[in-house]
Amino acid sequence: MRATWRGLPAKRHDVGWEPGLLVPGADGSPLITDHYFPRAKGDFPTLLVRSPYGRGLPWSPMYGVLFAEQGFHVVLQSCRGTGGSGGEFDLWRNEAADGQATVSWLREQPWFNGTLGTVGPSYLGYVQWALAVDPPPELKAMVVQVGLHDPHALFHAHGALRLENALAVGVGMTYQHQGMAPFVKATLRLQRRLRDVTTAQPLRGRTCPPSRAMCPGWTT
C-alpha cells in the first residue's frame, strides 16, 4: 500500500489490530468496531472514525493503518445497521447518540488517554458534526472532509425537492457497503434512467425504474 502513495511520512511503529469489537450503541445495539494501535509502549491519542460504508477499503489502510503507524489508536466503527452492526440504519438519526455512547466506551479502555480526534469525508464527516452538537470534553480535533452538516439543504432548495440528490444518496447508502462492483452498477443504472425518473409526472404513484432496489423508499 505504501508503494502506491507518495509523500507519506516514515513509518514510526508496527501496527496491531483488534477486529470485531462489540461496542454498545445508545440503545445497546452492538456496533462492530476495529481497533488499530501502535505496537509500542507510550501514551497515544485516539482517532475515531465512524462509517456506514464498511470498515475495509479505503478506510482501513487510509485511517487505521497509516495513523496507527504514526502513533494513534484508531477506532474504526460501522454505524448501526451497517457492516454487521446491530440495530437498523436510519439515515442521520442515531449518530449523535451512538457517537456519545462510543466515547463512553472509550473512557473504559485502558489505552485511552483522554485525547480524542475525529476524521472522515461525506457521512464520516456528518457523524463528526453530530458528535460536536454536545462535544465530549475529550474531543480535541475534528477533520471534516467534505462533510454534510445540513441534510435538509441537500434535499431541498427554495422549497423544492432536489430529487436527483435524493436518488443519488439512496443509491450510495444502499450499495456502497456492498462493494465497488454493485455500487458502480447501481450508479450507472441510475445515470441511464435519471432523466426519465426526474421528469416523470406525477412523481407520486410511479414505480422507480428499473427496480425499487435502485431507490429505496420510492412510493408505489
N, C-alpha and C. Protein backbone atom coordinates (compact mmCIF):
# COMPACT_ATOMS: atom_id res chain seq x y z
N MET A 1 0.82 -1.20 0.00
CA MET A 1 0.00 0.00 0.00
C MET A 1 0.86 1.26 0.00
N ARG A 2 1.90 1.28 0.83
CA ARG A 2 2.75 2.47 0.90
C ARG A 2 3.40 2.77 -0.45
N ALA A 3 3.66 1.72 -1.22
CA ALA A 3 4.33 1.92 -2.51
C ALA A 3 3.44 2.69 -3.49
N THR A 4 2.13 2.69 -3.27
CA THR A 4 1.23 3.36 -4.19
C THR A 4 0.91 4.80 -3.79
N TRP A 5 1.29 5.19 -2.59
CA TRP A 5 1.00 6.54 -2.10
C TRP A 5 2.31 7.28 -1.88
N ARG A 6 2.44 8.44 -2.46
CA ARG A 6 3.67 9.21 -2.38
C ARG A 6 3.58 10.25 -1.26
N GLY A 7 4.70 10.65 -0.74
CA GLY A 7 4.76 11.72 0.23
C GLY A 7 4.35 11.33 1.63
N LEU A 8 4.28 10.05 1.94
CA LEU A 8 3.90 9.62 3.29
C LEU A 8 5.07 9.80 4.25
N PRO A 9 4.78 10.15 5.50
CA PRO A 9 5.87 10.19 6.49
C PRO A 9 6.39 8.80 6.76
N ALA A 10 7.60 8.73 7.23
CA ALA A 10 8.21 7.43 7.53
C ALA A 10 7.42 6.71 8.61
N LYS A 11 7.31 5.42 8.48
CA LYS A 11 6.63 4.60 9.47
C LYS A 11 7.37 4.68 10.80
N ARG A 12 6.62 4.92 11.88
CA ARG A 12 7.22 5.04 13.21
C ARG A 12 6.98 3.82 14.08
N HIS A 13 5.88 3.09 13.83
CA HIS A 13 5.54 1.96 14.69
C HIS A 13 4.95 0.83 13.85
N ASP A 14 5.19 -0.40 14.28
CA ASP A 14 4.42 -1.52 13.76
C ASP A 14 3.00 -1.40 14.27
N VAL A 15 2.05 -2.00 13.55
CA VAL A 15 0.64 -1.81 13.84
C VAL A 15 0.00 -3.12 14.31
N GLY A 16 -0.76 -3.02 15.39
CA GLY A 16 -1.58 -4.13 15.85
C GLY A 16 -3.03 -3.90 15.48
N TRP A 17 -3.82 -4.97 15.55
CA TRP A 17 -5.21 -4.90 15.08
C TRP A 17 -6.09 -5.78 15.95
N GLU A 18 -7.15 -5.20 16.48
CA GLU A 18 -8.19 -5.94 17.19
C GLU A 18 -9.49 -5.80 16.41
N PRO A 19 -9.86 -6.77 15.61
CA PRO A 19 -11.07 -6.65 14.80
C PRO A 19 -12.31 -7.14 15.55
N GLY A 20 -13.46 -6.63 15.13
CA GLY A 20 -14.73 -7.17 15.57
C GLY A 20 -15.09 -6.92 17.02
N LEU A 21 -14.61 -5.82 17.61
CA LEU A 21 -15.01 -5.49 18.97
C LEU A 21 -16.48 -5.06 18.99
N LEU A 22 -17.18 -5.40 20.06
CA LEU A 22 -18.60 -5.06 20.18
C LEU A 22 -18.73 -3.87 21.13
N VAL A 23 -19.06 -2.73 20.57
CA VAL A 23 -19.24 -1.51 21.35
C VAL A 23 -20.73 -1.23 21.46
N PRO A 24 -21.28 -1.08 22.66
CA PRO A 24 -22.72 -0.84 22.78
C PRO A 24 -23.10 0.55 22.29
N GLY A 25 -24.10 0.60 21.40
CA GLY A 25 -24.64 1.87 20.96
C GLY A 25 -25.53 2.48 22.02
N ALA A 26 -26.21 3.56 21.67
CA ALA A 26 -27.02 4.28 22.64
C ALA A 26 -28.13 3.42 23.22
N ASP A 27 -28.67 2.49 22.43
CA ASP A 27 -29.74 1.62 22.91
C ASP A 27 -29.24 0.21 23.19
N GLY A 28 -27.93 0.04 23.24
CA GLY A 28 -27.34 -1.26 23.49
C GLY A 28 -27.04 -2.07 22.26
N SER A 29 -27.44 -1.61 21.07
CA SER A 29 -27.13 -2.33 19.84
C SER A 29 -25.63 -2.46 19.68
N PRO A 30 -25.12 -3.65 19.35
CA PRO A 30 -23.67 -3.82 19.20
C PRO A 30 -23.16 -3.16 17.93
N LEU A 31 -22.22 -2.26 18.08
CA LEU A 31 -21.60 -1.59 16.95
C LEU A 31 -20.24 -2.23 16.71
N ILE A 32 -20.08 -2.87 15.55
CA ILE A 32 -18.85 -3.60 15.24
C ILE A 32 -17.72 -2.60 15.02
N THR A 33 -16.63 -2.83 15.73
CA THR A 33 -15.54 -1.85 15.78
C THR A 33 -14.19 -2.54 15.65
N ASP A 34 -13.31 -1.98 14.84
CA ASP A 34 -11.93 -2.46 14.72
C ASP A 34 -11.00 -1.45 15.39
N HIS A 35 -10.03 -1.95 16.10
CA HIS A 35 -9.08 -1.11 16.82
C HIS A 35 -7.68 -1.34 16.25
N TYR A 36 -7.11 -0.28 15.71
CA TYR A 36 -5.73 -0.29 15.23
C TYR A 36 -4.87 0.46 16.25
N PHE A 37 -3.66 -0.01 16.48
CA PHE A 37 -2.85 0.62 17.52
C PHE A 37 -1.36 0.42 17.23
N PRO A 38 -0.55 1.34 17.70
CA PRO A 38 0.90 1.17 17.55
C PRO A 38 1.42 0.12 18.52
N ARG A 39 2.24 -0.77 18.02
CA ARG A 39 2.83 -1.79 18.89
C ARG A 39 4.05 -1.19 19.59
N ALA A 40 3.77 -0.38 20.58
CA ALA A 40 4.83 0.30 21.32
C ALA A 40 4.26 0.78 22.65
N LYS A 41 5.13 0.90 23.62
CA LYS A 41 4.72 1.47 24.89
C LYS A 41 4.66 2.98 24.74
N GLY A 42 3.65 3.59 25.38
CA GLY A 42 3.55 5.03 25.29
C GLY A 42 2.13 5.51 25.48
N ASP A 43 2.00 6.80 25.54
CA ASP A 43 0.71 7.46 25.75
C ASP A 43 0.27 8.03 24.41
N PHE A 44 -0.72 7.40 23.75
CA PHE A 44 -1.09 7.77 22.39
C PHE A 44 -2.53 8.29 22.34
N PRO A 45 -2.79 9.31 21.52
CA PRO A 45 -4.16 9.80 21.34
C PRO A 45 -4.98 8.82 20.50
N THR A 46 -6.28 9.07 20.47
CA THR A 46 -7.20 8.18 19.76
C THR A 46 -7.91 8.94 18.65
N LEU A 47 -8.06 8.26 17.51
CA LEU A 47 -8.77 8.80 16.36
C LEU A 47 -10.02 7.95 16.14
N LEU A 48 -11.19 8.59 16.15
CA LEU A 48 -12.46 7.88 15.97
C LEU A 48 -12.97 8.09 14.55
N VAL A 49 -13.25 6.98 13.87
CA VAL A 49 -13.79 7.02 12.51
C VAL A 49 -15.05 6.16 12.51
N ARG A 50 -16.22 6.77 12.28
CA ARG A 50 -17.48 6.04 12.25
C ARG A 50 -18.03 6.10 10.82
N SER A 51 -18.38 4.91 10.27
CA SER A 51 -18.71 4.82 8.85
C SER A 51 -19.89 3.90 8.60
N PRO A 52 -20.80 4.27 7.67
CA PRO A 52 -21.82 3.32 7.23
C PRO A 52 -21.40 2.53 6.01
N TYR A 53 -20.17 2.73 5.55
CA TYR A 53 -19.70 2.14 4.29
C TYR A 53 -18.77 0.95 4.51
N GLY A 54 -18.84 0.33 5.65
CA GLY A 54 -17.95 -0.78 5.94
C GLY A 54 -16.65 -0.30 6.58
N ARG A 55 -15.81 -1.26 6.95
CA ARG A 55 -14.57 -0.94 7.64
C ARG A 55 -13.34 -1.39 6.83
N GLY A 56 -13.56 -1.75 5.57
CA GLY A 56 -12.45 -2.17 4.71
C GLY A 56 -11.89 -1.01 3.92
N LEU A 57 -11.64 -1.27 2.64
CA LEU A 57 -11.12 -0.22 1.76
C LEU A 57 -12.15 0.90 1.60
N PRO A 58 -11.70 2.16 1.57
CA PRO A 58 -10.31 2.62 1.77
C PRO A 58 -9.99 2.97 3.22
N TRP A 59 -10.99 2.84 4.11
CA TRP A 59 -10.83 3.37 5.47
C TRP A 59 -9.76 2.62 6.26
N SER A 60 -9.71 1.31 6.10
CA SER A 60 -8.77 0.53 6.88
C SER A 60 -7.31 0.94 6.63
N PRO A 61 -6.85 0.96 5.37
CA PRO A 61 -5.45 1.38 5.17
C PRO A 61 -5.25 2.88 5.36
N MET A 62 -6.23 3.68 4.92
CA MET A 62 -6.04 5.14 4.91
C MET A 62 -6.05 5.73 6.31
N TYR A 63 -6.92 5.24 7.17
CA TYR A 63 -7.01 5.76 8.52
C TYR A 63 -6.43 4.78 9.54
N GLY A 64 -6.90 3.52 9.49
CA GLY A 64 -6.48 2.57 10.51
C GLY A 64 -4.98 2.34 10.53
N VAL A 65 -4.42 1.89 9.42
CA VAL A 65 -3.01 1.51 9.39
C VAL A 65 -2.09 2.73 9.42
N LEU A 66 -2.34 3.68 8.53
CA LEU A 66 -1.40 4.80 8.40
C LEU A 66 -1.33 5.66 9.66
N PHE A 67 -2.45 5.89 10.31
CA PHE A 67 -2.42 6.71 11.52
C PHE A 67 -1.86 5.93 12.70
N ALA A 68 -2.15 4.63 12.77
CA ALA A 68 -1.55 3.83 13.84
C ALA A 68 -0.03 3.78 13.71
N GLU A 69 0.45 3.75 12.47
CA GLU A 69 1.90 3.79 12.25
C GLU A 69 2.53 5.06 12.83
N GLN A 70 1.76 6.13 12.86
CA GLN A 70 2.28 7.41 13.34
C GLN A 70 2.06 7.65 14.83
N GLY A 71 1.42 6.70 15.51
CA GLY A 71 1.27 6.85 16.95
C GLY A 71 -0.13 7.21 17.40
N PHE A 72 -1.15 6.67 16.75
CA PHE A 72 -2.53 6.88 17.14
C PHE A 72 -3.22 5.54 17.38
N HIS A 73 -4.08 5.48 18.38
CA HIS A 73 -5.10 4.44 18.42
C HIS A 73 -6.19 4.87 17.43
N VAL A 74 -6.61 3.97 16.57
CA VAL A 74 -7.65 4.28 15.60
C VAL A 74 -8.83 3.34 15.85
N VAL A 75 -9.98 3.93 16.09
CA VAL A 75 -11.20 3.18 16.33
C VAL A 75 -12.09 3.35 15.11
N LEU A 76 -12.21 2.29 14.32
CA LEU A 76 -12.96 2.32 13.07
C LEU A 76 -14.25 1.51 13.27
N GLN A 77 -15.38 2.20 13.22
CA GLN A 77 -16.65 1.60 13.64
C GLN A 77 -17.69 1.66 12.52
N SER A 78 -18.46 0.58 12.38
CA SER A 78 -19.59 0.57 11.46
C SER A 78 -20.82 1.13 12.17
N CYS A 79 -21.45 2.12 11.56
CA CYS A 79 -22.67 2.70 12.12
C CYS A 79 -23.73 1.61 12.26
N ARG A 80 -24.68 1.84 13.13
CA ARG A 80 -25.71 0.83 13.37
C ARG A 80 -26.43 0.45 12.09
N GLY A 81 -26.73 -0.84 11.97
CA GLY A 81 -27.42 -1.34 10.80
C GLY A 81 -26.55 -1.51 9.57
N THR A 82 -25.25 -1.27 9.69
CA THR A 82 -24.33 -1.41 8.55
C THR A 82 -23.11 -2.20 9.00
N GLY A 83 -22.46 -2.86 8.05
CA GLY A 83 -21.19 -3.53 8.33
C GLY A 83 -21.25 -4.57 9.42
N GLY A 84 -22.43 -5.15 9.65
CA GLY A 84 -22.57 -6.15 10.69
C GLY A 84 -23.03 -5.62 12.03
N SER A 85 -23.08 -4.31 12.20
CA SER A 85 -23.53 -3.72 13.46
C SER A 85 -25.02 -3.97 13.65
N GLY A 86 -25.44 -4.06 14.90
CA GLY A 86 -26.83 -4.31 15.21
C GLY A 86 -27.70 -3.08 15.02
N GLY A 87 -29.00 -3.27 15.19
CA GLY A 87 -29.94 -2.18 15.02
C GLY A 87 -30.27 -1.94 13.57
N GLU A 88 -31.04 -0.91 13.32
CA GLU A 88 -31.47 -0.56 11.97
C GLU A 88 -30.89 0.78 11.57
N PHE A 89 -30.32 0.83 10.37
CA PHE A 89 -29.75 2.08 9.90
C PHE A 89 -30.88 3.06 9.55
N ASP A 90 -30.85 4.21 10.19
CA ASP A 90 -31.84 5.27 9.96
C ASP A 90 -31.05 6.53 9.68
N LEU A 91 -30.99 6.91 8.43
CA LEU A 91 -30.09 7.97 7.95
C LEU A 91 -30.06 9.17 8.88
N TRP A 92 -28.90 9.45 9.46
CA TRP A 92 -28.59 10.62 10.29
C TRP A 92 -29.21 10.59 11.69
N ARG A 93 -30.18 9.73 11.95
CA ARG A 93 -30.99 9.89 13.16
C ARG A 93 -30.26 9.53 14.45
N ASN A 94 -29.40 8.51 14.41
CA ASN A 94 -28.83 7.98 15.65
C ASN A 94 -27.36 8.32 15.86
N GLU A 95 -26.77 9.11 14.99
CA GLU A 95 -25.32 9.27 15.03
C GLU A 95 -24.84 10.06 16.24
N ALA A 96 -25.59 11.06 16.68
CA ALA A 96 -25.16 11.82 17.86
C ALA A 96 -25.14 10.92 19.09
N ALA A 97 -26.22 10.17 19.30
CA ALA A 97 -26.31 9.32 20.49
C ALA A 97 -25.31 8.17 20.43
N ASP A 98 -25.15 7.55 19.25
CA ASP A 98 -24.21 6.44 19.14
C ASP A 98 -22.76 6.92 19.26
N GLY A 99 -22.50 8.12 18.76
CA GLY A 99 -21.16 8.69 18.93
C GLY A 99 -20.83 8.91 20.40
N GLN A 100 -21.80 9.45 21.15
CA GLN A 100 -21.59 9.66 22.58
C GLN A 100 -21.40 8.33 23.30
N ALA A 101 -22.19 7.32 22.90
CA ALA A 101 -22.05 6.00 23.52
C ALA A 101 -20.67 5.41 23.26
N THR A 102 -20.14 5.64 22.07
CA THR A 102 -18.81 5.15 21.74
C THR A 102 -17.74 5.84 22.58
N VAL A 103 -17.89 7.14 22.79
CA VAL A 103 -16.93 7.85 23.64
C VAL A 103 -17.01 7.32 25.07
N SER A 104 -18.22 7.01 25.55
CA SER A 104 -18.35 6.43 26.88
C SER A 104 -17.60 5.10 26.97
N TRP A 105 -17.67 4.30 25.90
CA TRP A 105 -16.93 3.04 25.86
C TRP A 105 -15.43 3.29 25.86
N LEU A 106 -15.00 4.30 25.12
CA LEU A 106 -13.57 4.62 25.06
C LEU A 106 -13.03 4.95 26.45
N ARG A 107 -13.81 5.65 27.25
CA ARG A 107 -13.35 6.04 28.59
C ARG A 107 -13.01 4.84 29.46
N GLU A 108 -13.58 3.70 29.13
CA GLU A 108 -13.35 2.49 29.92
C GLU A 108 -12.15 1.68 29.43
N GLN A 109 -11.55 2.10 28.31
CA GLN A 109 -10.45 1.33 27.75
C GLN A 109 -9.13 1.76 28.39
N PRO A 110 -8.30 0.81 28.80
CA PRO A 110 -7.06 1.16 29.49
C PRO A 110 -6.08 1.94 28.61
N TRP A 111 -6.20 1.82 27.29
CA TRP A 111 -5.27 2.51 26.39
C TRP A 111 -5.73 3.92 26.02
N PHE A 112 -6.94 4.30 26.40
CA PHE A 112 -7.46 5.62 26.05
C PHE A 112 -6.91 6.66 27.02
N ASN A 113 -6.23 7.67 26.48
CA ASN A 113 -5.57 8.66 27.34
C ASN A 113 -6.35 9.96 27.49
N GLY A 114 -7.59 9.99 26.97
CA GLY A 114 -8.41 11.18 27.15
C GLY A 114 -8.28 12.22 26.06
N THR A 115 -7.48 11.94 25.05
CA THR A 115 -7.34 12.87 23.92
C THR A 115 -7.92 12.22 22.68
N LEU A 116 -8.97 12.84 22.13
CA LEU A 116 -9.74 12.24 21.04
C LEU A 116 -9.81 13.18 19.84
N GLY A 117 -9.64 12.61 18.65
CA GLY A 117 -9.85 13.34 17.41
C GLY A 117 -10.77 12.53 16.50
N THR A 118 -11.32 13.19 15.48
CA THR A 118 -12.18 12.52 14.51
C THR A 118 -11.75 12.92 13.11
N VAL A 119 -12.09 12.07 12.12
CA VAL A 119 -11.69 12.37 10.75
C VAL A 119 -12.61 11.63 9.80
N GLY A 120 -12.77 12.17 8.58
CA GLY A 120 -13.51 11.45 7.55
C GLY A 120 -14.31 12.37 6.66
N PRO A 121 -14.66 11.88 5.44
CA PRO A 121 -15.44 12.65 4.49
C PRO A 121 -16.89 12.18 4.42
N SER A 122 -17.73 12.98 3.80
CA SER A 122 -19.11 12.61 3.48
C SER A 122 -19.86 12.24 4.75
N TYR A 123 -20.46 11.05 4.81
CA TYR A 123 -21.19 10.66 6.01
C TYR A 123 -20.25 10.55 7.20
N LEU A 124 -18.98 10.22 6.95
CA LEU A 124 -17.99 10.18 8.01
C LEU A 124 -17.72 11.57 8.57
N GLY A 125 -18.01 12.59 7.75
CA GLY A 125 -17.94 13.96 8.23
C GLY A 125 -19.17 14.34 9.02
N TYR A 126 -20.34 13.87 8.56
CA TYR A 126 -21.58 14.20 9.27
C TYR A 126 -21.56 13.66 10.70
N VAL A 127 -21.07 12.43 10.90
CA VAL A 127 -21.07 11.87 12.25
C VAL A 127 -20.19 12.69 13.19
N GLN A 128 -19.19 13.39 12.63
CA GLN A 128 -18.37 14.27 13.46
C GLN A 128 -19.17 15.48 13.92
N TRP A 129 -19.92 16.09 13.00
CA TRP A 129 -20.78 17.21 13.38
C TRP A 129 -21.81 16.76 14.41
N ALA A 130 -22.34 15.55 14.26
CA ALA A 130 -23.33 15.04 15.20
C ALA A 130 -22.73 14.93 16.61
N LEU A 131 -21.51 14.43 16.69
CA LEU A 131 -20.84 14.33 17.99
C LEU A 131 -20.57 15.70 18.58
N ALA A 132 -20.29 16.67 17.71
CA ALA A 132 -19.94 18.01 18.17
C ALA A 132 -21.15 18.83 18.62
N VAL A 133 -22.37 18.32 18.40
CA VAL A 133 -23.55 19.03 18.91
C VAL A 133 -23.44 19.17 20.43
N ASP A 134 -22.96 18.13 21.09
CA ASP A 134 -22.69 18.16 22.52
C ASP A 134 -21.32 17.56 22.73
N PRO A 135 -20.27 18.31 22.42
CA PRO A 135 -18.94 17.72 22.34
C PRO A 135 -18.46 17.19 23.68
N PRO A 136 -17.97 15.95 23.70
CA PRO A 136 -17.37 15.45 24.95
C PRO A 136 -16.08 16.20 25.24
N PRO A 137 -15.72 16.31 26.49
CA PRO A 137 -14.51 17.07 26.83
C PRO A 137 -13.25 16.50 26.22
N GLU A 138 -13.26 15.22 25.87
CA GLU A 138 -12.07 14.59 25.29
C GLU A 138 -11.84 15.00 23.83
N LEU A 139 -12.86 15.54 23.18
CA LEU A 139 -12.75 15.86 21.75
C LEU A 139 -11.89 17.10 21.55
N LYS A 140 -10.72 16.90 20.97
CA LYS A 140 -9.75 17.98 20.80
C LYS A 140 -9.61 18.45 19.36
N ALA A 141 -9.98 17.61 18.38
CA ALA A 141 -9.77 17.99 16.98
C ALA A 141 -10.76 17.23 16.10
N MET A 142 -11.22 17.91 15.03
CA MET A 142 -12.08 17.30 14.02
C MET A 142 -11.53 17.64 12.64
N VAL A 143 -11.46 16.65 11.77
CA VAL A 143 -11.08 16.88 10.38
C VAL A 143 -12.27 16.43 9.53
N VAL A 144 -13.13 17.38 9.18
CA VAL A 144 -14.33 17.09 8.41
C VAL A 144 -14.00 17.32 6.94
N GLN A 145 -13.89 16.24 6.19
CA GLN A 145 -13.51 16.31 4.78
C GLN A 145 -14.79 16.24 3.93
N VAL A 146 -15.16 17.35 3.35
CA VAL A 146 -16.37 17.42 2.51
C VAL A 146 -17.56 16.89 3.32
N GLY A 147 -17.77 17.46 4.47
CA GLY A 147 -18.77 16.92 5.38
C GLY A 147 -20.11 17.65 5.30
N LEU A 148 -21.18 16.88 5.26
CA LEU A 148 -22.53 17.41 5.27
C LEU A 148 -22.92 17.80 6.70
N HIS A 149 -23.46 19.01 6.88
CA HIS A 149 -23.93 19.42 8.19
C HIS A 149 -25.42 19.75 8.21
N ASP A 150 -26.04 19.91 7.02
CA ASP A 150 -27.45 20.27 6.93
C ASP A 150 -28.14 19.35 5.93
N PRO A 151 -28.63 18.18 6.38
CA PRO A 151 -29.26 17.24 5.44
C PRO A 151 -30.44 17.84 4.70
N HIS A 152 -31.21 18.71 5.34
CA HIS A 152 -32.39 19.28 4.68
C HIS A 152 -31.98 20.07 3.43
N ALA A 153 -30.87 20.81 3.54
CA ALA A 153 -30.43 21.61 2.40
C ALA A 153 -29.97 20.74 1.24
N LEU A 154 -29.52 19.52 1.54
CA LEU A 154 -29.11 18.62 0.47
C LEU A 154 -30.29 18.19 -0.38
N PHE A 155 -31.46 18.04 0.24
CA PHE A 155 -32.63 17.51 -0.44
C PHE A 155 -33.66 18.56 -0.84
N HIS A 156 -33.51 19.79 -0.37
CA HIS A 156 -34.49 20.82 -0.67
C HIS A 156 -33.78 22.13 -0.98
N ALA A 157 -34.28 22.85 -1.97
CA ALA A 157 -33.76 24.16 -2.33
C ALA A 157 -34.93 25.05 -2.72
N HIS A 158 -35.08 26.19 -2.03
CA HIS A 158 -36.14 27.15 -2.33
C HIS A 158 -37.51 26.49 -2.32
N GLY A 159 -37.69 25.57 -1.38
CA GLY A 159 -38.99 24.91 -1.23
C GLY A 159 -39.25 23.75 -2.15
N ALA A 160 -38.29 23.40 -3.01
CA ALA A 160 -38.49 22.31 -3.98
C ALA A 160 -37.60 21.12 -3.61
N LEU A 161 -38.13 19.92 -3.85
CA LEU A 161 -37.37 18.71 -3.60
C LEU A 161 -36.28 18.54 -4.66
N ARG A 162 -35.07 18.29 -4.22
CA ARG A 162 -33.97 18.02 -5.14
C ARG A 162 -33.91 16.50 -5.34
N LEU A 163 -34.76 16.02 -6.24
CA LEU A 163 -34.96 14.59 -6.42
C LEU A 163 -33.68 13.89 -6.84
N GLU A 164 -32.90 14.51 -7.71
CA GLU A 164 -31.67 13.88 -8.18
C GLU A 164 -30.73 13.60 -7.01
N ASN A 165 -30.61 14.54 -6.08
CA ASN A 165 -29.76 14.32 -4.92
C ASN A 165 -30.30 13.20 -4.04
N ALA A 166 -31.63 13.17 -3.87
CA ALA A 166 -32.23 12.13 -3.04
C ALA A 166 -31.96 10.74 -3.63
N LEU A 167 -32.09 10.61 -4.95
CA LEU A 167 -31.84 9.32 -5.59
C LEU A 167 -30.37 8.92 -5.49
N ALA A 168 -29.48 9.89 -5.68
CA ALA A 168 -28.05 9.58 -5.61
C ALA A 168 -27.66 9.13 -4.21
N VAL A 169 -28.18 9.80 -3.19
CA VAL A 169 -27.89 9.41 -1.82
C VAL A 169 -28.47 8.02 -1.53
N GLY A 170 -29.68 7.75 -2.03
CA GLY A 170 -30.28 6.44 -1.83
C GLY A 170 -29.44 5.33 -2.41
N VAL A 171 -28.95 5.54 -3.62
CA VAL A 171 -28.08 4.53 -4.24
C VAL A 171 -26.80 4.36 -3.42
N GLY A 172 -26.20 5.49 -3.02
CA GLY A 172 -24.95 5.41 -2.27
C GLY A 172 -25.10 4.67 -0.96
N MET A 173 -26.14 5.01 -0.20
CA MET A 173 -26.31 4.39 1.10
C MET A 173 -26.70 2.92 0.99
N THR A 174 -27.37 2.56 -0.11
CA THR A 174 -27.79 1.17 -0.29
C THR A 174 -26.64 0.28 -0.74
N TYR A 175 -25.77 0.78 -1.61
CA TYR A 175 -24.82 -0.10 -2.29
C TYR A 175 -23.35 0.09 -1.89
N GLN A 176 -22.96 1.22 -1.32
CA GLN A 176 -21.54 1.44 -1.11
C GLN A 176 -20.91 0.39 -0.21
N HIS A 177 -21.63 -0.07 0.82
CA HIS A 177 -21.05 -1.05 1.72
C HIS A 177 -21.10 -2.46 1.16
N GLN A 178 -21.71 -2.63 -0.02
CA GLN A 178 -21.79 -3.96 -0.64
C GLN A 178 -20.61 -4.25 -1.55
N GLY A 179 -19.74 -3.29 -1.71
CA GLY A 179 -18.58 -3.49 -2.58
C GLY A 179 -18.64 -2.58 -3.80
N MET A 180 -17.50 -2.43 -4.44
CA MET A 180 -17.40 -1.49 -5.54
C MET A 180 -18.24 -1.89 -6.75
N ALA A 181 -18.26 -3.17 -7.10
CA ALA A 181 -18.97 -3.60 -8.31
C ALA A 181 -20.47 -3.34 -8.21
N PRO A 182 -21.16 -3.76 -7.13
CA PRO A 182 -22.59 -3.44 -7.03
C PRO A 182 -22.86 -1.94 -7.00
N PHE A 183 -21.98 -1.19 -6.35
CA PHE A 183 -22.17 0.26 -6.28
C PHE A 183 -22.07 0.90 -7.66
N VAL A 184 -21.05 0.52 -8.42
CA VAL A 184 -20.88 1.09 -9.76
C VAL A 184 -22.06 0.72 -10.66
N LYS A 185 -22.50 -0.53 -10.61
CA LYS A 185 -23.64 -0.94 -11.43
C LYS A 185 -24.89 -0.15 -11.09
N ALA A 186 -25.16 0.03 -9.80
CA ALA A 186 -26.34 0.79 -9.39
C ALA A 186 -26.24 2.25 -9.82
N THR A 187 -25.05 2.82 -9.71
CA THR A 187 -24.85 4.22 -10.12
C THR A 187 -25.08 4.39 -11.62
N LEU A 188 -24.57 3.45 -12.40
CA LEU A 188 -24.76 3.52 -13.86
C LEU A 188 -26.23 3.34 -14.23
N ARG A 189 -26.95 2.46 -13.53
CA ARG A 189 -28.39 2.30 -13.79
C ARG A 189 -29.13 3.61 -13.53
N LEU A 190 -28.78 4.23 -12.42
CA LEU A 190 -29.43 5.50 -12.09
C LEU A 190 -29.10 6.56 -13.13
N GLN A 191 -27.85 6.62 -13.55
CA GLN A 191 -27.45 7.62 -14.54
C GLN A 191 -28.20 7.44 -15.86
N ARG A 192 -28.38 6.18 -16.28
CA ARG A 192 -29.07 5.92 -17.54
C ARG A 192 -30.54 6.33 -17.48
N ARG A 193 -31.16 6.16 -16.33
CA ARG A 193 -32.59 6.40 -16.22
C ARG A 193 -32.93 7.70 -15.50
N LEU A 194 -31.94 8.49 -15.15
CA LEU A 194 -32.17 9.65 -14.30
C LEU A 194 -33.15 10.64 -14.92
N ARG A 195 -32.99 10.93 -16.21
CA ARG A 195 -33.88 11.89 -16.85
C ARG A 195 -35.33 11.39 -16.84
N ASP A 196 -35.51 10.10 -17.13
CA ASP A 196 -36.86 9.55 -17.11
C ASP A 196 -37.49 9.65 -15.72
N VAL A 197 -36.68 9.37 -14.71
CA VAL A 197 -37.20 9.38 -13.35
C VAL A 197 -37.54 10.79 -12.89
N THR A 198 -36.64 11.74 -13.13
CA THR A 198 -36.82 13.09 -12.58
C THR A 198 -37.82 13.92 -13.38
N THR A 199 -38.13 13.54 -14.60
CA THR A 199 -39.09 14.32 -15.40
C THR A 199 -40.46 13.68 -15.45
N ALA A 200 -40.62 12.49 -14.89
CA ALA A 200 -41.91 11.81 -14.92
C ALA A 200 -42.92 12.57 -14.05
N GLN A 201 -44.14 12.68 -14.53
CA GLN A 201 -45.19 13.35 -13.78
C GLN A 201 -46.46 12.51 -13.80
N PRO A 202 -47.20 12.42 -12.69
CA PRO A 202 -46.76 12.94 -11.38
C PRO A 202 -45.74 12.00 -10.75
N LEU A 203 -44.93 12.54 -9.83
CA LEU A 203 -43.93 11.71 -9.16
C LEU A 203 -44.59 10.68 -8.26
N ARG A 204 -45.61 11.09 -7.51
CA ARG A 204 -46.28 10.17 -6.60
C ARG A 204 -47.07 9.14 -7.40
N GLY A 205 -46.93 7.89 -7.00
CA GLY A 205 -47.69 6.84 -7.65
C GLY A 205 -46.93 6.11 -8.73
N ARG A 206 -45.72 6.63 -9.11
CA ARG A 206 -44.94 5.95 -10.14
C ARG A 206 -43.98 4.98 -9.50
N THR A 207 -43.67 3.92 -10.22
CA THR A 207 -42.68 2.96 -9.77
C THR A 207 -41.30 3.39 -10.24
N CYS A 208 -40.33 3.31 -9.36
CA CYS A 208 -38.98 3.74 -9.69
C CYS A 208 -38.34 2.74 -10.65
N PRO A 209 -38.00 3.12 -11.89
CA PRO A 209 -37.32 2.21 -12.81
C PRO A 209 -35.83 2.20 -12.52
N PRO A 210 -35.10 1.13 -12.84
CA PRO A 210 -35.64 -0.13 -13.33
C PRO A 210 -36.08 -1.06 -12.22
N SER A 211 -35.85 -0.71 -10.96
CA SER A 211 -36.28 -1.55 -9.85
C SER A 211 -36.36 -0.70 -8.60
N ARG A 212 -37.19 -1.11 -7.67
CA ARG A 212 -37.30 -0.37 -6.44
C ARG A 212 -36.00 -0.40 -5.65
N ALA A 213 -35.21 -1.45 -5.84
CA ALA A 213 -33.95 -1.56 -5.10
C ALA A 213 -33.00 -0.43 -5.44
N MET A 214 -33.20 0.20 -6.62
CA MET A 214 -32.30 1.26 -7.02
C MET A 214 -32.55 2.53 -6.23
N CYS A 215 -33.76 2.73 -5.75
CA CYS A 215 -34.05 3.94 -4.99
C CYS A 215 -35.01 3.57 -3.85
N PRO A 216 -34.45 3.14 -2.72
CA PRO A 216 -35.28 2.68 -1.62
C PRO A 216 -36.23 3.77 -1.14
N GLY A 217 -37.42 3.37 -0.72
CA GLY A 217 -38.37 4.31 -0.20
C GLY A 217 -39.28 4.93 -1.24
N TRP A 218 -39.07 4.57 -2.52
CA TRP A 218 -39.90 5.14 -3.60
C TRP A 218 -41.36 4.72 -3.41
N THR A 219 -42.26 5.66 -3.58
CA THR A 219 -43.67 5.39 -3.41
C THR A 219 -44.24 4.67 -4.62
N THR A 220 -44.94 3.60 -4.38
CA THR A 220 -45.56 2.89 -5.49
C THR A 220 -47.08 2.94 -5.35
